[in-house]
C-alpha atoms as a PDB file:
ATOM      1  CA  MET A   1      -1.136 -30.190   9.611  1.00  0.00           C
ATOM      2  CA  GLU A   2       1.098 -28.715   7.016  1.00  0.00           C
ATOM      3  CA  ASP A   3       2.811 -25.405   7.717  1.00  0.00           C
ATOM      4  CA  ASN A   4       3.375 -22.585   5.267  1.00  0.00           C
ATOM      5  CA  LYS A   5       7.070 -23.439   4.809  1.00  0.00           C
ATOM      6  CA  THR A   6       6.086 -26.525   2.838  1.00  0.00           C
ATOM      7  CA  ALA A   7       2.752 -25.241   1.544  1.00  0.00           C
ATOM      8  CA  ASN A   8       3.795 -23.067  -1.355  1.00  0.00           C
ATOM      9  CA  LEU A   9       0.881 -20.868  -2.288  1.00  0.00           C
ATOM     10  CA  SER A  10       0.245 -20.285  -5.956  1.00  0.00           C
ATOM     11  CA  LYS A  11       0.343 -16.751  -7.324  1.00  0.00           C
ATOM     12  CA  ARG A  12      -3.458 -16.879  -7.520  1.00  0.00           C
ATOM     13  CA  GLN A  13      -3.731 -17.943  -3.861  1.00  0.00           C
ATOM     14  CA  GLN A  14      -1.328 -15.189  -2.806  1.00  0.00           C
ATOM     15  CA  ASN A  15      -3.342 -12.588  -4.726  1.00  0.00           C
ATOM     16  CA  LEU A  16      -6.611 -13.891  -3.256  1.00  0.00           C
ATOM     17  CA  LEU A  17      -5.073 -13.655   0.205  1.00  0.00           C
ATOM     18  CA  LYS A  18      -4.270  -9.978  -0.364  1.00  0.00           C
ATOM     19  CA  LEU A  19      -7.690  -9.271  -1.888  1.00  0.00           C
ATOM     20  CA  LYS A  20      -9.564 -10.951   0.966  1.00  0.00           C
ATOM     21  CA  PHE A  21      -7.488  -9.092   3.546  1.00  0.00           C
ATOM     22  CA  PHE A  22      -8.223  -5.818   1.773  1.00  0.00           C
ATOM     23  CA  LEU A  23     -11.975  -6.488   1.532  1.00  0.00           C
ATOM     24  CA  PHE A  24     -12.290  -7.627   5.151  1.00  0.00           C
ATOM     25  CA  SER A  25     -10.263  -4.597   6.221  1.00  0.00           C
ATOM     26  CA  VAL A  26     -12.592  -2.322   4.263  1.00  0.00           C
ATOM     27  CA  SER A  27     -15.572  -3.906   6.031  1.00  0.00           C
ATOM     28  CA  ALA A  28     -13.788  -3.392   9.364  1.00  0.00           C
ATOM     29  CA  GLY A  29     -13.157   0.214   8.344  1.00  0.00           C
ATOM     30  CA  VAL A  30     -16.867   0.686   7.705  1.00  0.00           C
ATOM     31  CA  ILE A  31     -17.600  -0.683  11.179  1.00  0.00           C
ATOM     32  CA  GLN A  32     -15.008   1.668  12.637  1.00  0.00           C
ATOM     33  CA  LEU A  33     -16.335   4.699  10.761  1.00  0.00           C
ATOM     34  CA  ILE A  34     -19.958   4.023  11.672  1.00  0.00           C
ATOM     35  CA  SER A  35     -19.268   3.267  15.327  1.00  0.00           C
ATOM     36  CA  THR A  36     -16.899   6.222  15.742  1.00  0.00           C
ATOM     37  CA  THR A  37     -19.332   8.558  13.993  1.00  0.00           C
ATOM     38  CA  LEU A  38     -22.249   7.401  16.123  1.00  0.00           C
ATOM     39  CA  LEU A  39     -20.270   7.632  19.353  1.00  0.00           C
ATOM     40  CA  ASN A  40     -18.688  10.986  18.496  1.00  0.00           C
ATOM     41  CA  THR A  41     -21.447  12.904  16.741  1.00  0.00           C
ATOM     42  CA  VAL A  42     -24.755  11.277  17.655  1.00  0.00           C
ATOM     43  CA  PHE A  43     -24.155  10.197  21.253  1.00  0.00           C
ATOM     44  CA  SER A  44     -21.328  12.652  22.090  1.00  0.00           C
ATOM     45  CA  LEU A  45     -19.766   9.890  24.187  1.00  0.00           C
ATOM     46  CA  ASP A  46     -16.551  11.744  24.868  1.00  0.00           C
ATOM     47  CA  GLN A  47     -18.444  14.732  26.241  1.00  0.00           C
ATOM     48  CA  TYR A  48     -19.887  12.589  29.042  1.00  0.00           C
ATOM     49  CA  THR A  49     -16.882  10.462  29.940  1.00  0.00           C
ATOM     50  CA  ARG A  50     -14.566  13.269  31.036  1.00  0.00           C
ATOM     51  CA  LEU A  51     -11.504  11.644  29.550  1.00  0.00           C
ATOM     52  CA  ASP A  52     -10.752  14.757  27.486  1.00  0.00           C
ATOM     53  CA  GLU A  53      -7.716  15.675  29.575  1.00  0.00           C
ATOM     54  CA  TRP A  54      -6.207  12.207  29.230  1.00  0.00           C
ATOM     55  CA  LEU A  55      -7.007  11.693  25.535  1.00  0.00           C
ATOM     56  CA  GLY A  56      -6.438  15.284  24.464  1.00  0.00           C
ATOM     57  CA  ASN A  57      -9.813  16.229  23.019  1.00  0.00           C
ATOM     58  CA  ASP A  58     -13.361  15.006  22.602  1.00  0.00           C
ATOM     59  CA  TYR A  59     -12.573  12.483  19.896  1.00  0.00           C
ATOM     60  CA  GLY A  60     -10.055   9.983  21.289  1.00  0.00           C
ATOM     61  CA  LEU A  61     -12.377   7.622  23.199  1.00  0.00           C
ATOM     62  CA  SER A  62     -14.839   7.299  20.315  1.00  0.00           C
ATOM     63  CA  TYR A  63     -11.940   6.516  17.992  1.00  0.00           C
ATOM     64  CA  PHE A  64     -10.549   3.928  20.417  1.00  0.00           C
ATOM     65  CA  ILE A  65     -13.877   2.087  20.760  1.00  0.00           C
ATOM     66  CA  GLY A  66     -14.362   2.087  16.980  1.00  0.00           C
ATOM     67  CA  LEU A  67     -10.835   0.744  16.555  1.00  0.00           C
ATOM     68  CA  VAL A  68     -11.426  -2.113  19.022  1.00  0.00           C
ATOM     69  CA  LEU A  69     -14.655  -3.125  17.264  1.00  0.00           C
ATOM     70  CA  SER A  70     -12.950  -3.126  13.863  1.00  0.00           C
ATOM     71  CA  VAL A  71      -9.965  -5.127  15.153  1.00  0.00           C
ATOM     72  CA  LEU A  72     -12.205  -7.855  16.576  1.00  0.00           C
ATOM     73  CA  TRP A  73     -14.140  -8.083  13.304  1.00  0.00           C
ATOM     74  CA  ASN A  74     -11.031  -8.057  11.127  1.00  0.00           C
ATOM     75  CA  PHE A  75      -9.130 -10.594  13.242  1.00  0.00           C
ATOM     76  CA  THR A  76     -12.022 -13.054  13.265  1.00  0.00           C
ATOM     77  CA  LEU A  77     -12.655 -12.952   9.515  1.00  0.00           C
ATOM     78  CA  ASN A  78      -9.035 -12.858   8.391  1.00  0.00           C
ATOM     79  CA  ARG A  79      -7.952 -15.713  10.646  1.00  0.00           C
ATOM     80  CA  ARG A  80     -10.634 -18.020   9.311  1.00  0.00           C
ATOM     81  CA  PHE A  81     -11.167 -16.986   5.691  1.00  0.00           C
ATOM     82  CA  THR A  82      -8.049 -15.138   4.519  1.00  0.00           C
ATOM     83  CA  PHE A  83      -5.136 -16.881   6.200  1.00  0.00           C
ATOM     84  CA  LYS A  84      -7.143 -20.061   6.883  1.00  0.00           C
ATOM     85  CA  SER A  85      -5.115 -20.583  10.011  1.00  0.00           C
ATOM     86  CA  ALA A  86      -5.417 -23.303  12.625  1.00  0.00           C
ATOM     87  CA  ALA A  87      -2.804 -21.565  14.777  1.00  0.00           C
ATOM     88  CA  ASN A  88      -3.371 -21.336  18.507  1.00  0.00           C
ATOM     89  CA  LEU A  89      -6.140 -18.737  18.883  1.00  0.00           C
ATOM     90  CA  PRO A  90      -4.927 -17.148  22.156  1.00  0.00           C
ATOM     91  CA  VAL A  91      -1.375 -16.848  20.801  1.00  0.00           C
ATOM     92  CA  ALA A  92      -2.583 -15.238  17.561  1.00  0.00           C
ATOM     93  CA  MET A  93      -4.811 -12.848  19.526  1.00  0.00           C
ATOM     94  CA  LEU A  94      -1.927 -11.975  21.840  1.00  0.00           C
ATOM     95  CA  LYS A  95       0.256 -11.099  18.840  1.00  0.00           C
ATOM     96  CA  ILE A  96      -2.480  -8.844  17.433  1.00  0.00           C
ATOM     97  CA  PHE A  97      -2.925  -7.312  20.879  1.00  0.00           C
ATOM     98  CA  GLY A  98       0.813  -6.571  20.906  1.00  0.00           C
ATOM     99  CA  PHE A  99       0.552  -4.903  17.506  1.00  0.00           C
ATOM    100  CA  TYR A 100      -2.262  -2.695  18.763  1.00  0.00           C
ATOM    101  CA  CYS A 101      -0.405  -1.898  21.999  1.00  0.00           C
ATOM    102  CA  VAL A 102       1.937  -0.002  19.685  1.00  0.00           C
ATOM    103  CA  PHE A 103      -0.470   1.103  16.940  1.00  0.00           C
ATOM    104  CA  ALA A 104      -3.402   2.301  19.094  1.00  0.00           C
ATOM    105  CA  PRO A 105      -1.486   4.789  21.283  1.00  0.00           C
ATOM    106  CA  LEU A 106       0.403   6.134  18.275  1.00  0.00           C
ATOM    107  CA  SER A 107      -2.739   6.502  16.180  1.00  0.00           C
ATOM    108  CA  ILE A 108      -4.670   8.074  19.072  1.00  0.00           C
ATOM    109  CA  TRP A 109      -1.780  10.488  19.576  1.00  0.00           C
ATOM    110  CA  TRP A 110      -1.620  11.588  15.927  1.00  0.00           C
ATOM    111  CA  THR A 111      -5.420  11.600  15.652  1.00  0.00           C
ATOM    112  CA  VAL A 112      -5.722  13.966  18.612  1.00  0.00           C
ATOM    113  CA  ALA A 113      -2.766  16.086  17.441  1.00  0.00           C
ATOM    114  CA  LEU A 114      -4.098  16.458  13.897  1.00  0.00           C
ATOM    115  CA  THR A 115      -7.700  17.160  14.920  1.00  0.00           C
ATOM    116  CA  GLU A 116      -6.450  19.730  17.450  1.00  0.00           C
ATOM    117  CA  ILE A 117      -4.777  21.721  14.664  1.00  0.00           C
ATOM    118  CA  GLY A 118      -7.944  21.667  12.596  1.00  0.00           C
ATOM    119  CA  VAL A 119      -7.654  18.652  10.315  1.00  0.00           C
ATOM    120  CA  HIS A 120     -11.137  17.168   9.942  1.00  0.00           C
ATOM    121  CA  TRP A 121     -11.447  13.958  11.969  1.00  0.00           C
ATOM    122  CA  LEU A 122     -12.733  12.024   8.958  1.00  0.00           C
ATOM    123  CA  ILE A 123      -9.615  12.848   6.893  1.00  0.00           C
ATOM    124  CA  VAL A 124      -7.426  11.812   9.827  1.00  0.00           C
ATOM    125  CA  GLN A 125      -9.341   8.578  10.288  1.00  0.00           C
ATOM    126  CA  LEU A 126      -9.151   7.631   6.596  1.00  0.00           C
ATOM    127  CA  GLY A 127      -5.395   8.254   6.555  1.00  0.00           C
ATOM    128  CA  THR A 128      -4.993   6.232   9.727  1.00  0.00           C
ATOM    129  CA  MET A 129      -6.968   3.391   8.176  1.00  0.00           C
ATOM    130  CA  LEU A 130      -4.588   3.286   5.200  1.00  0.00           C
ATOM    131  CA  VAL A 131      -1.585   3.112   7.531  1.00  0.00           C
ATOM    132  CA  ASN A 132      -3.342   0.422   9.569  1.00  0.00           C
ATOM    133  CA  LEU A 133      -4.268  -1.624   6.483  1.00  0.00           C
ATOM    134  CA  THR A 134      -0.681  -1.762   5.297  1.00  0.00           C
ATOM    135  CA  THR A 135       1.049  -2.357   8.612  1.00  0.00           C
ATOM    136  CA  GLU A 136      -1.501  -4.875   9.885  1.00  0.00           C
ATOM    137  CA  TYR A 137      -1.352  -6.918   6.666  1.00  0.00           C
ATOM    138  CA  LEU A 138       2.425  -7.119   6.900  1.00  0.00           C
ATOM    139  CA  PHE A 139       2.266  -7.994  10.595  1.00  0.00           C
ATOM    140  CA  CYS A 140      -0.374 -10.692  10.095  1.00  0.00           C
ATOM    141  CA  ARG A 141       1.271 -12.173   7.022  1.00  0.00           C
ATOM    142  CA  PHE A 142       4.836 -12.272   8.306  1.00  0.00           C
ATOM    143  CA  VAL A 143       4.439 -12.496  12.099  1.00  0.00           C
ATOM    144  CA  VAL A 144       1.051 -13.754  13.285  1.00  0.00           C
ATOM    145  CA  TYR A 145       0.353 -16.345  10.579  1.00  0.00           C
ATOM    146  CA  ARG A 146       3.863 -16.752   9.181  1.00  0.00           C
ATOM    147  CA  ASN A 147       3.948 -20.528   9.641  1.00  0.00           C
ATOM    148  CA  SER A 148       0.240 -21.314   9.753  1.00  0.00           C
ATOM    149  CA  ILE A 149      -1.292 -20.059   6.513  1.00  0.00           C
ATOM    150  CA  TYR A 150      -3.750 -22.564   5.038  1.00  0.00           C
ATOM    151  CA  THR A 151      -3.529 -24.900   8.043  1.00  0.00           C
ATOM    152  CA  ASN A 152      -7.243 -25.079   8.909  1.00  0.00           C
ATOM    153  CA  LYS A 153      -9.482 -27.686   7.248  1.00  0.00           C
ATOM    154  CA  ALA A 154     -10.596 -25.373   4.433  1.00  0.00           C
ATOM    155  CA  GLY A 155      -7.012 -24.325   3.734  1.00  0.00           C
ATOM    156  CA  GLN A 156      -5.759 -27.898   3.696  1.00  0.00           C
ATOM    157  CA  LYS A 157      -8.551 -28.900   1.321  1.00  0.00           C
ATOM    158  CA  GLU A 158      -7.746 -25.994  -0.997  1.00  0.00           C
ATOM    159  CA  LEU A 159      -4.059 -26.899  -1.027  1.00  0.00           C
ATOM    160  CA  LYS A 160      -4.882 -30.537  -1.748  1.00  0.00           C
ATOM    161  CA  ASP A 161      -7.304 -29.599  -4.544  1.00  0.00           C
ATOM    162  CA  SER A 162      -4.790 -27.211  -6.123  1.00  0.00           C
ATOM    163  CA  ARG A 163      -2.208 -30.003  -6.366  1.00  0.00           C
ATOM    164  CA  GLU A 164      -4.539 -32.393  -8.160  1.00  0.00           C
END
C-alpha cells in the first residue's frame, strides 16, 4: 500500500477531504445534539444518576454520552470515507481516544462552568462543537492518518484513476 508521503493528493481531493470531514462532523453533531437533548430534557438522566457533585451540575453526564456517540459515528465514517485509511484500526482508535482524554474533560469542565453561570446549554454545546470540529480535523489529518490517507482499496483506486 502506498502511504500519503508518496500519494500527493490533488487540490480537489484535499478540498473533498475537508468537505467530507465537515459533513460527517455535522451529522455527528446532530447525533450529539439529539442524544444529549433526549437524555437531558426528556429522560432527565442526570437527575437519576447522582453524579451531579462529580460533574458539577445536571448536564455533564448527558453531554458526555452524546459526545461518545458522536465520536464513534464520526470516527467510523471519516476513517473509511474521508481519509480512506487502511491504518491499523486499534492504533487509530487509541489515538482518537487519547485526543478525547484531553478534549472531553476540558469540554465537560467549560460546559459545566458556562452553564452554571447561566449560558444556555445549547449555545455552549454549539460553541464546543466548533472547537471540536477544528481541533479534531487537525488531529486526524496530521496525527491519526498522517501517513495513511487514501491507503484503503477505495483510496488506492481513486489515486490510480486520478493519475490516468
